[in-house]
Amino acid sequence: MKSTDSLNSTFSNFKASNPTEMIAVLTAFKEKCVAQGKYLDAEKAKQKILKLKVEEAKYKENELKQRQQKDTEEVEQGHIQDFQEFNQMWEKELSDFEESCRKQIEELRTKHEQELESTRETAETAFNEKQKPSQKKIDLLKARDSAVKIEEYLKAHSISQELSALEKDELASIEIRKKEFIKKALAKVEDRQEIEMEGLKNRLRRTHEELKRKRGMEMERVIKRFQNNKKELERAQTIELSIASGKVNTPSAWNMMESNSISRILQSSRAGTPGLMLKSKIEKESPDKDNLFEEGENLDKQDKPEEMKNEGEAVVESEPQEKKVEENLEDKPAE
């Protein structure tokens, strides 16, 4: 009874925040009892320590699981942020491209209008320069001048009226031929302009499709990065729990634990976000939207980026390591 009172009195004023602190105090008390020859108190302290160690293991396991849950939520939150940044970046990228398309089409349309106006003026000038008086008009002019010289004014008047009627008919004929001449000249330019405009629109459409294809590929990369990080985290957490519970405690397990460092995984879950990585990649790979007038039509021949292939290989290579970890957890006995 006395020894129990001594043990109780030791902890009457002590408040432990967790079993580990209580075990430390009990261990010190046990050693003090042994030194003083109070073996009954030492035995009771030992039994209490054994019970507390069971509680400590549960406490640490719960604490570990809570931390792991927090780590998992951090990875998931990082993925959500990745996804938001990705969408914002690509929405701006596509919006800027569409605005660039409108600008280029409007610039080409303005250029075509100026070309047509210049062609109209050039054709009209060229037609006018080719026009010469008809032989009939020349003869009438000579006849009128001869009549005036010999003072046959009535005849000169009659010739003048005939000359006016001829000029009127010829002017109407010239106007018709001029319109036809200009129309043909404009038609040639319009045919070329139509081909040029359609070519620009086709290049813009292909570039737009290429951007959407790249967006899909980058989206797959973001999703794959999240899946890989989550897999690595779950694998590391499984090893960590197994080591903490004593189920696995071998050098190979510790090596795998080191290679699957949770802090490294958490860091890598934010290391390749679109905001840091995809923007520079797209700027390097995207076609120059402001120079599509001179671009060749080679957009359809672009190959899949090499980085995508490398990442695909990395994903495949990660599978054997996962199997190796699972085999260690199943085959290694607790030491």
C-alpha atoms as a PDB file:
ATOM      1  CA  MET A   1       0.000   0.000   0.000  1.00  0.00           C
ATOM      2  CA  LYS A   2       2.849   2.306   0.921  1.00  0.00           C
ATOM      3  CA  SER A   3       4.577   1.720  -2.399  1.00  0.00           C
ATOM      4  CA  THR A   4       1.339   2.496  -4.276  1.00  0.00           C
ATOM      5  CA  ASP A   5       0.954   5.734  -2.342  1.00  0.00           C
ATOM      6  CA  SER A   6       4.555   6.581  -3.208  1.00  0.00           C
ATOM      7  CA  LEU A   7       3.878   5.969  -6.932  1.00  0.00           C
ATOM      8  CA  ASN A   8       0.641   7.977  -6.850  1.00  0.00           C
ATOM      9  CA  SER A   9       2.251  10.838  -4.996  1.00  0.00           C
ATOM     10  CA  THR A  10       4.956  10.982  -7.645  1.00  0.00           C
ATOM     11  CA  PHE A  11       2.392  11.757 -10.384  1.00  0.00           C
ATOM     12  CA  SER A  12      -0.212  13.657  -8.347  1.00  0.00           C
ATOM     13  CA  ASN A  13       1.074  17.016  -9.567  1.00  0.00           C
ATOM     14  CA  PHE A  14       2.384  15.832 -12.973  1.00  0.00           C
ATOM     15  CA  LYS A  15       0.414  16.313 -16.181  1.00  0.00           C
ATOM     16  CA  ALA A  16       1.746  14.595 -19.321  1.00  0.00           C
ATOM     17  CA  SER A  17       0.678  15.708 -22.790  1.00  0.00           C
ATOM     18  CA  ASN A  18       1.361  12.245 -24.224  1.00  0.00           C
ATOM     19  CA  PRO A  19       2.374   8.704 -23.108  1.00  0.00           C
ATOM     20  CA  THR A  20       6.007   9.287 -24.121  1.00  0.00           C
ATOM     21  CA  GLU A  21       6.447  11.987 -21.490  1.00  0.00           C
ATOM     22  CA  MET A  22       4.814   9.774 -18.866  1.00  0.00           C
ATOM     23  CA  ILE A  23       7.142   6.880 -19.750  1.00  0.00           C
ATOM     24  CA  ALA A  24      10.186   9.147 -19.396  1.00  0.00           C
ATOM     25  CA  VAL A  25       9.090  10.230 -15.932  1.00  0.00           C
ATOM     26  CA  LEU A  26       8.236   6.647 -14.879  1.00  0.00           C
ATOM     27  CA  THR A  27      11.583   5.381 -16.115  1.00  0.00           C
ATOM     28  CA  ALA A  28      13.398   7.999 -14.038  1.00  0.00           C
ATOM     29  CA  PHE A  29      11.211   7.092 -11.042  1.00  0.00           C
ATOM     30  CA  LYS A  30      11.903   3.352 -11.538  1.00  0.00           C
ATOM     31  CA  GLU A  31      15.655   3.920 -11.645  1.00  0.00           C
ATOM     32  CA  LYS A  32      15.439   6.056  -8.503  1.00  0.00           C
ATOM     33  CA  CYS A  33      13.469   3.316  -6.709  1.00  0.00           C
ATOM     34  CA  VAL A  34      16.025   0.688  -7.724  1.00  0.00           C
ATOM     35  CA  ALA A  35      18.822   2.907  -6.414  1.00  0.00           C
ATOM     36  CA  GLN A  36      16.973   3.337  -3.116  1.00  0.00           C
ATOM     37  CA  GLY A  37      16.118  -0.384  -2.853  1.00  0.00           C
ATOM     38  CA  LYS A  38      12.395   0.199  -3.289  1.00  0.00           C
ATOM     39  CA  TYR A  39      11.900  -2.774  -5.574  1.00  0.00           C
ATOM     40  CA  LEU A  40       8.115  -3.008  -5.184  1.00  0.00           C
ATOM     41  CA  ASP A  41       7.760   0.566  -6.395  1.00  0.00           C
ATOM     42  CA  ALA A  42      10.216  -0.209  -9.195  1.00  0.00           C
ATOM     43  CA  GLU A  43       8.152  -3.265 -10.245  1.00  0.00           C
ATOM     44  CA  LYS A  44       4.920  -1.272 -10.274  1.00  0.00           C
ATOM     45  CA  ALA A  45       6.597   1.464 -12.251  1.00  0.00           C
ATOM     46  CA  LYS A  46       7.865  -1.165 -14.727  1.00  0.00           C
ATOM     47  CA  GLN A  47       4.344  -2.615 -15.181  1.00  0.00           C
ATOM     48  CA  LYS A  48       2.960   0.857 -15.666  1.00  0.00           C
ATOM     49  CA  ILE A  49       5.655   1.589 -18.270  1.00  0.00           C
ATOM     50  CA  LEU A  50       4.729  -1.603 -20.194  1.00  0.00           C
ATOM     51  CA  LYS A  51       1.090  -0.540 -20.320  1.00  0.00           C
ATOM     52  CA  LEU A  52       2.044   2.966 -21.354  1.00  0.00           C
ATOM     53  CA  LYS A  53       4.240   1.643 -24.153  1.00  0.00           C
ATOM     54  CA  VAL A  54       1.195  -0.022 -25.678  1.00  0.00           C
ATOM     55  CA  GLU A  55      -0.648   3.292 -25.432  1.00  0.00           C
ATOM     56  CA  GLU A  56       2.414   5.083 -26.786  1.00  0.00           C
ATOM     57  CA  ALA A  57       2.476   2.828 -29.850  1.00  0.00           C
ATOM     58  CA  LYS A  58      -1.212   3.558 -30.533  1.00  0.00           C
ATOM     59  CA  TYR A  59      -0.641   7.257 -29.892  1.00  0.00           C
ATOM     60  CA  LYS A  60       2.308   7.400 -32.303  1.00  0.00           C
ATOM     61  CA  GLU A  61       0.407   5.376 -34.893  1.00  0.00           C
ATOM     62  CA  ASN A  62      -2.551   7.773 -34.730  1.00  0.00           C
ATOM     63  CA  GLU A  63      -0.195  10.731 -34.830  1.00  0.00           C
ATOM     64  CA  LEU A  64       1.565   9.250 -37.866  1.00  0.00           C
ATOM     65  CA  LYS A  65      -1.735   8.566 -39.639  1.00  0.00           C
ATOM     66  CA  GLN A  66      -2.885  12.134 -39.005  1.00  0.00           C
ATOM     67  CA  ARG A  67       0.348  13.494 -40.442  1.00  0.00           C
ATOM     68  CA  GLN A  68       0.077  11.173 -43.429  1.00  0.00           C
ATOM     69  CA  GLN A  69      -3.506  12.282 -44.020  1.00  0.00           C
ATOM     70  CA  LYS A  70      -2.292  15.871 -43.958  1.00  0.00           C
ATOM     71  CA  ASP A  71       0.464  15.008 -46.461  1.00  0.00           C
ATOM     72  CA  THR A  72      -2.081  13.329 -48.758  1.00  0.00           C
ATOM     73  CA  GLU A  73      -4.342  16.372 -48.582  1.00  0.00           C
ATOM     74  CA  GLU A  74      -1.347  18.572 -49.384  1.00  0.00           C
ATOM     75  CA  VAL A  75      -0.589  16.554 -52.530  1.00  0.00           C
ATOM     76  CA  GLU A  76      -4.267  16.677 -53.567  1.00  0.00           C
ATOM     77  CA  GLN A  77      -4.444  20.398 -52.891  1.00  0.00           C
ATOM     78  CA  GLY A  78      -1.298  20.870 -54.961  1.00  0.00           C
ATOM     79  CA  HIS A  79      -2.960  18.998 -57.808  1.00  0.00           C
ATOM     80  CA  ILE A  80      -6.058  21.201 -57.584  1.00  0.00           C
ATOM     81  CA  GLN A  81      -3.815  24.266 -57.728  1.00  0.00           C
ATOM     82  CA  ASP A  82      -1.925  22.742 -60.676  1.00  0.00           C
ATOM     83  CA  PHE A  83      -5.205  22.173 -62.478  1.00  0.00           C
ATOM     84  CA  GLN A  84      -6.427  25.714 -61.815  1.00  0.00           C
ATOM     85  CA  GLU A  85      -3.138  27.242 -62.983  1.00  0.00           C
ATOM     86  CA  PHE A  86      -3.168  24.963 -66.018  1.00  0.00           C
ATOM     87  CA  ASN A  87      -6.693  26.028 -67.044  1.00  0.00           C
ATOM     88  CA  GLN A  88      -5.994  29.717 -66.457  1.00  0.00           C
ATOM     89  CA  MET A  89      -2.795  29.575 -68.479  1.00  0.00           C
ATOM     90  CA  TRP A  90      -4.372  27.692 -71.393  1.00  0.00           C
ATOM     91  CA  GLU A  91      -7.504  29.850 -71.433  1.00  0.00           C
ATOM     92  CA  LYS A  92      -5.241  32.891 -71.803  1.00  0.00           C
ATOM     93  CA  GLU A  93      -3.091  31.100 -74.390  1.00  0.00           C
ATOM     94  CA  LEU A  94      -6.107  30.199 -76.547  1.00  0.00           C
ATOM     95  CA  SER A  95      -7.750  33.583 -76.031  1.00  0.00           C
ATOM     96  CA  ASP A  96      -4.563  35.376 -77.111  1.00  0.00           C
ATOM     97  CA  PHE A  97      -4.286  33.105 -80.144  1.00  0.00           C
ATOM     98  CA  GLU A  98      -7.909  33.716 -81.189  1.00  0.00           C
ATOM     99  CA  GLU A  99      -7.353  37.462 -80.851  1.00  0.00           C
ATOM    100  CA  SER A 100      -4.208  37.119 -82.961  1.00  0.00           C
ATOM    101  CA  CYS A 101      -6.245  35.210 -85.600  1.00  0.00           C
ATOM    102  CA  ARG A 102      -8.824  37.976 -85.782  1.00  0.00           C
ATOM    103  CA  LYS A 103      -6.074  40.565 -86.079  1.00  0.00           C
ATOM    104  CA  GLN A 104      -4.268  38.707 -88.882  1.00  0.00           C
ATOM    105  CA  ILE A 105      -7.476  38.115 -90.865  1.00  0.00           C
ATOM    106  CA  GLU A 106      -8.462  41.779 -90.517  1.00  0.00           C
ATOM    107  CA  GLU A 107      -4.977  42.905 -91.569  1.00  0.00           C
ATOM    108  CA  LEU A 108      -5.088  40.665 -94.637  1.00  0.00           C
ATOM    109  CA  ARG A 109      -8.588  41.878 -95.513  1.00  0.00           C
ATOM    110  CA  THR A 110      -7.404  45.505 -95.303  1.00  0.00           C
ATOM    111  CA  LYS A 111      -4.380  44.642 -97.422  1.00  0.00           C
ATOM    112  CA  HIS A 112      -6.645  43.036-100.044  1.00  0.00           C
ATOM    113  CA  GLU A 113      -8.927  46.082-100.171  1.00  0.00           C
ATOM    114  CA  GLN A 114      -5.923  48.329-100.760  1.00  0.00           C
ATOM    115  CA  GLU A 115      -4.642  45.980-103.467  1.00  0.00           C
ATOM    116  CA  LEU A 116      -8.030  46.020-105.224  1.00  0.00           C
ATOM    117  CA  GLU A 117      -8.204  49.787-105.156  1.00  0.00           C
ATOM    118  CA  SER A 118      -4.665  50.033-106.525  1.00  0.00           C
ATOM    119  CA  THR A 119      -5.471  47.464-109.215  1.00  0.00           C
ATOM    120  CA  ARG A 120      -8.612  49.394-110.208  1.00  0.00           C
ATOM    121  CA  GLU A 121      -6.658  52.638-110.615  1.00  0.00           C
ATOM    122  CA  THR A 122      -3.828  50.934-112.530  1.00  0.00           C
ATOM    123  CA  ALA A 123      -6.239  49.167-114.878  1.00  0.00           C
ATOM    124  CA  GLU A 124      -8.210  52.349-115.556  1.00  0.00           C
ATOM    125  CA  THR A 125      -5.021  54.294-116.317  1.00  0.00           C
ATOM    126  CA  ALA A 126      -3.732  51.525-118.592  1.00  0.00           C
ATOM    127  CA  PHE A 127      -7.053  51.374-120.483  1.00  0.00           C
ATOM    128  CA  ASN A 128      -7.215  55.136-120.946  1.00  0.00           C
ATOM    129  CA  GLU A 129      -3.641  55.262-122.267  1.00  0.00           C
ATOM    130  CA  LYS A 130      -4.509  52.695-124.949  1.00  0.00           C
ATOM    131  CA  GLN A 131      -7.523  54.642-126.294  1.00  0.00           C
ATOM    132  CA  LYS A 132      -7.103  56.444-129.668  1.00  0.00           C
ATOM    133  CA  PRO A 133      -9.644  58.300-131.876  1.00  0.00           C
ATOM    134  CA  SER A 134     -11.444  56.120-134.404  1.00  0.00           C
ATOM    135  CA  GLN A 135     -10.730  56.576-138.112  1.00  0.00           C
ATOM    136  CA  LYS A 136     -14.315  57.761-138.691  1.00  0.00           C
ATOM    137  CA  LYS A 137     -13.896  60.482-136.068  1.00  0.00           C
ATOM    138  CA  ILE A 138     -10.603  61.570-137.647  1.00  0.00           C
ATOM    139  CA  ASP A 139     -12.289  61.799-141.084  1.00  0.00           C
ATOM    140  CA  LEU A 140     -15.205  63.831-139.708  1.00  0.00           C
ATOM    141  CA  LEU A 141     -12.830  66.233-137.971  1.00  0.00           C
ATOM    142  CA  LYS A 142     -10.932  66.754-141.233  1.00  0.00           C
ATOM    143  CA  ALA A 143     -14.177  67.245-143.196  1.00  0.00           C
ATOM    144  CA  ARG A 144     -15.458  69.820-140.681  1.00  0.00           C
ATOM    145  CA  ASP A 145     -12.176  71.734-140.787  1.00  0.00           C
ATOM    146  CA  SER A 146     -12.233  71.739-144.622  1.00  0.00           C
ATOM    147  CA  ALA A 147     -15.839  73.036-144.682  1.00  0.00           C
ATOM    148  CA  VAL A 148     -14.919  75.835-142.299  1.00  0.00           C
ATOM    149  CA  LYS A 149     -11.952  76.822-144.479  1.00  0.00           C
ATOM    150  CA  ILE A 150     -14.137  77.172-147.572  1.00  0.00           C
ATOM    151  CA  GLU A 151     -16.845  78.893-145.517  1.00  0.00           C
ATOM    152  CA  GLU A 152     -19.447  76.176-145.964  1.00  0.00           C
ATOM    153  CA  TYR A 153     -20.804  76.675-142.472  1.00  0.00           C
ATOM    154  CA  LEU A 154     -24.031  74.762-142.896  1.00  0.00           C
ATOM    155  CA  LYS A 155     -22.031  71.718-143.929  1.00  0.00           C
ATOM    156  CA  ALA A 156     -19.633  72.259-141.016  1.00  0.00           C
ATOM    157  CA  HIS A 157     -22.592  72.454-138.640  1.00  0.00           C
ATOM    158  CA  SER A 158     -24.047  69.212-140.026  1.00  0.00           C
ATOM    159  CA  ILE A 159     -20.678  67.467-139.675  1.00  0.00           C
ATOM    160  CA  SER A 160     -20.359  68.778-136.098  1.00  0.00           C
ATOM    161  CA  GLN A 161     -23.705  67.277-135.166  1.00  0.00           C
ATOM    162  CA  GLU A 162     -22.709  63.954-136.738  1.00  0.00           C
ATOM    163  CA  LEU A 163     -19.382  64.160-134.854  1.00  0.00           C
ATOM    164  CA  SER A 164     -21.177  64.770-131.514  1.00  0.00           C
ATOM    165  CA  ALA A 165     -23.424  61.750-132.056  1.00  0.00           C
ATOM    166  CA  LEU A 166     -20.386  59.611-132.922  1.00  0.00           C
ATOM    167  CA  GLU A 167     -18.467  60.759-129.823  1.00  0.00           C
ATOM    168  CA  LYS A 168     -21.479  59.970-127.652  1.00  0.00           C
ATOM    169  CA  ASP A 169     -21.756  56.454-129.073  1.00  0.00           C
ATOM    170  CA  GLU A 170     -18.012  55.864-128.842  1.00  0.00           C
ATOM    171  CA  LEU A 171     -17.907  57.153-125.233  1.00  0.00           C
ATOM    172  CA  ALA A 172     -20.664  54.714-124.232  1.00  0.00           C
ATOM    173  CA  SER A 173     -18.810  51.874-125.961  1.00  0.00           C
ATOM    174  CA  ILE A 174     -15.508  52.869-124.310  1.00  0.00           C
ATOM    175  CA  GLU A 175     -17.150  52.966-120.884  1.00  0.00           C
ATOM    176  CA  ILE A 176     -18.526  49.441-121.366  1.00  0.00           C
ATOM    177  CA  ARG A 177     -15.144  48.135-122.513  1.00  0.00           C
ATOM    178  CA  LYS A 178     -13.377  49.928-119.652  1.00  0.00           C
ATOM    179  CA  LYS A 179     -15.642  48.304-117.071  1.00  0.00           C
ATOM    180  CA  GLU A 180     -15.045  44.896-118.624  1.00  0.00           C
ATOM    181  CA  PHE A 181     -11.272  45.491-118.695  1.00  0.00           C
ATOM    182  CA  ILE A 182     -11.191  46.558-115.028  1.00  0.00           C
ATOM    183  CA  LYS A 183     -13.492  43.691-114.055  1.00  0.00           C
ATOM    184  CA  LYS A 184     -11.123  41.134-115.579  1.00  0.00           C
ATOM    185  CA  ALA A 185      -8.103  42.722-113.897  1.00  0.00           C
ATOM    186  CA  LEU A 186      -9.882  42.699-110.520  1.00  0.00           C
ATOM    187  CA  ALA A 187     -11.060  39.103-110.989  1.00  0.00           C
ATOM    188  CA  LYS A 188      -7.473  37.863-111.307  1.00  0.00           C
ATOM    189  CA  VAL A 189      -6.459  39.674-108.113  1.00  0.00           C
ATOM    190  CA  GLU A 190      -9.581  38.514-106.256  1.00  0.00           C
ATOM    191  CA  ASP A 191      -8.901  34.876-107.195  1.00  0.00           C
ATOM    192  CA  ARG A 192      -5.365  35.168-105.814  1.00  0.00           C
ATOM    193  CA  GLN A 193      -6.601  36.959-102.697  1.00  0.00           C
ATOM    194  CA  GLU A 194      -9.245  34.299-102.068  1.00  0.00           C
ATOM    195  CA  ILE A 195      -6.561  31.595-102.196  1.00  0.00           C
ATOM    196  CA  GLU A 196      -4.341  33.668 -99.888  1.00  0.00           C
ATOM    197  CA  MET A 197      -7.149  34.244 -97.362  1.00  0.00           C
ATOM    198  CA  GLU A 198      -8.187  30.591 -97.366  1.00  0.00           C
ATOM    199  CA  GLY A 199      -4.557  29.560 -96.912  1.00  0.00           C
ATOM    200  CA  LEU A 200      -4.214  31.840 -93.882  1.00  0.00           C
ATOM    201  CA  LYS A 201      -7.446  30.527 -92.346  1.00  0.00           C
ATOM    202  CA  ASN A 202      -6.346  26.929 -92.898  1.00  0.00           C
ATOM    203  CA  ARG A 203      -2.984  27.590 -91.218  1.00  0.00           C
ATOM    204  CA  LEU A 204      -4.720  29.290 -88.309  1.00  0.00           C
ATOM    205  CA  ARG A 205      -7.149  26.374 -87.966  1.00  0.00           C
ATOM    206  CA  ARG A 206      -4.312  23.870 -87.955  1.00  0.00           C
ATOM    207  CA  THR A 207      -2.401  25.919 -85.407  1.00  0.00           C
ATOM    208  CA  HIS A 208      -5.521  26.100 -83.232  1.00  0.00           C
ATOM    209  CA  GLU A 209      -5.949  22.333 -83.446  1.00  0.00           C
ATOM    210  CA  GLU A 210      -2.264  21.895 -82.612  1.00  0.00           C
ATOM    211  CA  LEU A 211      -2.644  24.096 -79.529  1.00  0.00           C
ATOM    212  CA  LYS A 212      -5.683  22.089 -78.401  1.00  0.00           C
ATOM    213  CA  ARG A 213      -3.750  18.852 -78.959  1.00  0.00           C
ATOM    214  CA  LYS A 214      -0.873  20.183 -76.872  1.00  0.00           C
ATOM    215  CA  ARG A 215      -3.325  21.220 -74.177  1.00  0.00           C
ATOM    216  CA  GLY A 216      -4.672  17.658 -74.052  1.00  0.00           C
ATOM    217  CA  MET A 217      -1.160  16.224 -73.870  1.00  0.00           C
ATOM    218  CA  GLU A 218      -0.149  18.627 -71.095  1.00  0.00           C
ATOM    219  CA  MET A 219      -3.377  17.831 -69.240  1.00  0.00           C
ATOM    220  CA  GLU A 220      -2.443  14.152 -69.334  1.00  0.00           C
ATOM    221  CA  ARG A 221       0.974  15.059 -67.946  1.00  0.00           C
ATOM    222  CA  VAL A 222      -0.558  17.025 -65.056  1.00  0.00           C
ATOM    223  CA  ILE A 223      -2.892  14.131 -64.227  1.00  0.00           C
ATOM    224  CA  LYS A 224      -0.106  11.546 -64.586  1.00  0.00           C
ATOM    225  CA  ARG A 225       2.191  13.620 -62.367  1.00  0.00           C
ATOM    226  CA  PHE A 226      -0.488  13.712 -59.672  1.00  0.00           C
ATOM    227  CA  GLN A 227      -1.154   9.969 -59.953  1.00  0.00           C
ATOM    228  CA  ASN A 228       2.560   9.160 -59.758  1.00  0.00           C
ATOM    229  CA  ASN A 229       3.108  11.456 -56.766  1.00  0.00           C
ATOM    230  CA  LYS A 230       0.105   9.998 -54.976  1.00  0.00           C
ATOM    231  CA  LYS A 231       1.307   6.448 -55.672  1.00  0.00           C
ATOM    232  CA  GLU A 232       4.788   7.248 -54.393  1.00  0.00           C
ATOM    233  CA  LEU A 233       3.336   8.914 -51.312  1.00  0.00           C
ATOM    234  CA  GLU A 234       1.065   5.945 -50.523  1.00  0.00           C
ATOM    235  CA  ARG A 235       4.003   3.575 -51.028  1.00  0.00           C
ATOM    236  CA  ALA A 236       6.240   5.626 -48.714  1.00  0.00           C
ATOM    237  CA  GLN A 237       3.482   5.925 -46.123  1.00  0.00           C
ATOM    238  CA  THR A 238       2.936   2.151 -46.166  1.00  0.00           C
ATOM    239  CA  ILE A 239       6.657   1.558 -45.535  1.00  0.00           C
ATOM    240  CA  GLU A 240       6.670   4.227 -42.830  1.00  0.00           C
ATOM    241  CA  LEU A 241       3.699   2.640 -41.035  1.00  0.00           C
ATOM    242  CA  SER A 242       5.263  -0.820 -41.297  1.00  0.00           C
ATOM    243  CA  ILE A 243       8.538   0.415 -39.801  1.00  0.00           C
ATOM    244  CA  ALA A 244       6.739   2.369 -37.078  1.00  0.00           C
ATOM    245  CA  SER A 245       4.648  -0.689 -36.103  1.00  0.00           C
ATOM    246  CA  GLY A 246       7.703  -2.987 -36.112  1.00  0.00           C
ATOM    247  CA  LYS A 247       6.380  -5.216 -38.873  1.00  0.00           C
ATOM    248  CA  VAL A 248       9.364  -4.380 -41.054  1.00  0.00           C
ATOM    249  CA  ASN A 249      12.694  -3.192 -39.724  1.00  0.00           C
ATOM    250  CA  THR A 250      15.426  -4.172 -42.166  1.00  0.00           C
ATOM    251  CA  PRO A 251      18.177  -2.148 -43.898  1.00  0.00           C
ATOM    252  CA  SER A 252      16.448  -2.652 -47.256  1.00  0.00           C
ATOM    253  CA  ALA A 253      13.210  -1.223 -45.866  1.00  0.00           C
ATOM    254  CA  TRP A 254      15.067   1.804 -44.525  1.00  0.00           C
ATOM    255  CA  ASN A 255      16.796   2.240 -47.901  1.00  0.00           C
ATOM    256  CA  MET A 256      13.435   2.124 -49.678  1.00  0.00           C
ATOM    257  CA  MET A 257      12.067   4.548 -47.126  1.00  0.00           C
ATOM    258  CA  GLU A 258      14.926   6.914 -47.924  1.00  0.00           C
ATOM    259  CA  SER A 259      14.430   6.554 -51.703  1.00  0.00           C
ATOM    260  CA  ASN A 260      10.677   7.242 -51.266  1.00  0.00           C
ATOM    261  CA  SER A 261      11.234  10.219 -48.955  1.00  0.00           C
ATOM    262  CA  ILE A 262       7.879  11.830 -48.186  1.00  0.00           C
ATOM    263  CA  SER A 263       9.381  15.311 -48.066  1.00  0.00           C
ATOM    264  CA  ARG A 264      10.863  14.748 -51.539  1.00  0.00           C
ATOM    265  CA  ILE A 265       7.519  13.557 -52.866  1.00  0.00           C
ATOM    266  CA  LEU A 266       5.701  16.543 -51.398  1.00  0.00           C
ATOM    267  CA  GLN A 267       8.296  18.860 -52.911  1.00  0.00           C
ATOM    268  CA  SER A 268       8.086  17.204 -56.330  1.00  0.00           C
ATOM    269  CA  SER A 269       4.292  17.413 -56.260  1.00  0.00           C
ATOM    270  CA  ARG A 270       4.726  21.166 -56.748  1.00  0.00           C
ATOM    271  CA  ALA A 271       8.028  21.154 -58.658  1.00  0.00           C
ATOM    272  CA  GLY A 272       6.587  20.773 -62.156  1.00  0.00           C
ATOM    273  CA  THR A 273       3.449  22.870 -62.021  1.00  0.00           C
ATOM    274  CA  PRO A 274       2.132  24.525 -65.201  1.00  0.00           C
ATOM    275  CA  GLY A 275       2.900  27.957 -63.797  1.00  0.00           C
ATOM    276  CA  LEU A 276       6.606  27.113 -63.497  1.00  0.00           C
ATOM    277  CA  MET A 277       7.113  24.656 -66.317  1.00  0.00           C
ATOM    278  CA  LEU A 278       4.390  24.503 -68.975  1.00  0.00           C
ATOM    279  CA  LYS A 279       4.421  28.211 -69.887  1.00  0.00           C
ATOM    280  CA  SER A 280       8.084  28.217 -70.939  1.00  0.00           C
ATOM    281  CA  LYS A 281       7.590  24.889 -72.753  1.00  0.00           C
ATOM    282  CA  ILE A 282       4.614  26.233 -74.721  1.00  0.00           C
ATOM    283  CA  GLU A 283       6.416  29.464 -75.565  1.00  0.00           C
ATOM    284  CA  LYS A 284       9.257  27.400 -77.040  1.00  0.00           C
ATOM    285  CA  GLU A 285       7.058  24.922 -78.938  1.00  0.00           C
ATOM    286  CA  SER A 286       4.097  27.066 -80.066  1.00  0.00           C
ATOM    287  CA  PRO A 287       4.219  28.470 -83.639  1.00  0.00           C
ATOM    288  CA  ASP A 288       4.897  32.194 -84.043  1.00  0.00           C
ATOM    289  CA  LYS A 289       1.344  33.466 -84.332  1.00  0.00           C
ATOM    290  CA  ASP A 290       2.393  36.899 -85.659  1.00  0.00           C
ATOM    291  CA  ASN A 291       4.262  35.535 -88.688  1.00  0.00           C
ATOM    292  CA  LEU A 292       1.827  33.058 -90.192  1.00  0.00           C
ATOM    293  CA  PHE A 293       1.821  34.953 -93.522  1.00  0.00           C
ATOM    294  CA  GLU A 294       5.315  33.588 -94.216  1.00  0.00           C
ATOM    295  CA  GLU A 295       4.963  30.193 -92.508  1.00  0.00           C
ATOM    296  CA  GLY A 296       5.000  26.988 -94.514  1.00  0.00           C
ATOM    297  CA  GLU A 297       2.271  24.438 -94.099  1.00  0.00           C
ATOM    298  CA  ASN A 298       4.278  21.988 -92.007  1.00  0.00           C
ATOM    299  CA  LEU A 299       2.327  22.055 -88.738  1.00  0.00           C
ATOM    300  CA  ASP A 300       0.832  18.614 -89.309  1.00  0.00           C
ATOM    301  CA  LYS A 301       4.295  17.037 -89.392  1.00  0.00           C
ATOM    302  CA  GLN A 302       5.289  17.991 -85.855  1.00  0.00           C
ATOM    303  CA  ASP A 303       6.407  15.081 -83.771  1.00  0.00           C
ATOM    304  CA  LYS A 304       5.356  14.250 -80.253  1.00  0.00           C
ATOM    305  CA  PRO A 305       7.630  16.176 -77.822  1.00  0.00           C
ATOM    306  CA  GLU A 306      10.562  14.117 -76.573  1.00  0.00           C
ATOM    307  CA  GLU A 307       9.806  15.071 -72.975  1.00  0.00           C
ATOM    308  CA  MET A 308       6.429  13.344 -73.221  1.00  0.00           C
ATOM    309  CA  LYS A 309       8.136  10.135 -74.317  1.00  0.00           C
ATOM    310  CA  ASN A 310      10.635  10.355 -71.460  1.00  0.00           C
ATOM    311  CA  GLU A 311       7.910  10.875 -68.910  1.00  0.00           C
ATOM    312  CA  GLY A 312       5.982   7.909 -70.260  1.00  0.00           C
ATOM    313  CA  GLU A 313       9.122   5.773 -69.834  1.00  0.00           C
ATOM    314  CA  ALA A 314       9.551   7.061 -66.286  1.00  0.00           C
ATOM    315  CA  VAL A 315       6.029   5.995 -65.397  1.00  0.00           C
ATOM    316  CA  VAL A 316       6.617   2.495 -66.724  1.00  0.00           C
ATOM    317  CA  GLU A 317       9.900   2.203 -64.835  1.00  0.00           C
ATOM    318  CA  SER A 318       8.243   3.091 -61.528  1.00  0.00           C
ATOM    319  CA  GLU A 319       6.127  -0.099 -61.479  1.00  0.00           C
ATOM    320  CA  PRO A 320       8.918  -2.629 -60.615  1.00  0.00           C
ATOM    321  CA  GLN A 321       9.933  -0.521 -57.626  1.00  0.00           C
ATOM    322  CA  GLU A 322       6.362  -0.602 -56.328  1.00  0.00           C
ATOM    323  CA  LYS A 323       6.302  -4.411 -56.637  1.00  0.00           C
ATOM    324  CA  LYS A 324       9.659  -4.622 -54.881  1.00  0.00           C
ATOM    325  CA  VAL A 325       8.343  -2.616 -51.934  1.00  0.00           C
ATOM    326  CA  GLU A 326       5.200  -4.777 -51.681  1.00  0.00           C
ATOM    327  CA  GLU A 327       7.301  -7.951 -51.758  1.00  0.00           C
ATOM    328  CA  ASN A 328       9.499  -6.646 -48.945  1.00  0.00           C
ATOM    329  CA  LEU A 329       6.489  -5.806 -46.831  1.00  0.00           C
ATOM    330  CA  GLU A 330       5.012  -9.286 -47.334  1.00  0.00           C
ATOM    331  CA  ASP A 331       8.174 -11.416 -47.153  1.00  0.00           C
ATOM    332  CA  LYS A 332      10.355  -9.730 -44.505  1.00  0.00           C
ATOM    333  CA  PRO A 333       9.653 -10.979 -40.973  1.00  0.00           C
ATOM    334  CA  ALA A 334       9.545  -8.552 -38.080  1.00  0.00           C
ATOM    335  CA  GLU A 335      12.850  -8.443 -36.217  1.00  0.00           C
END
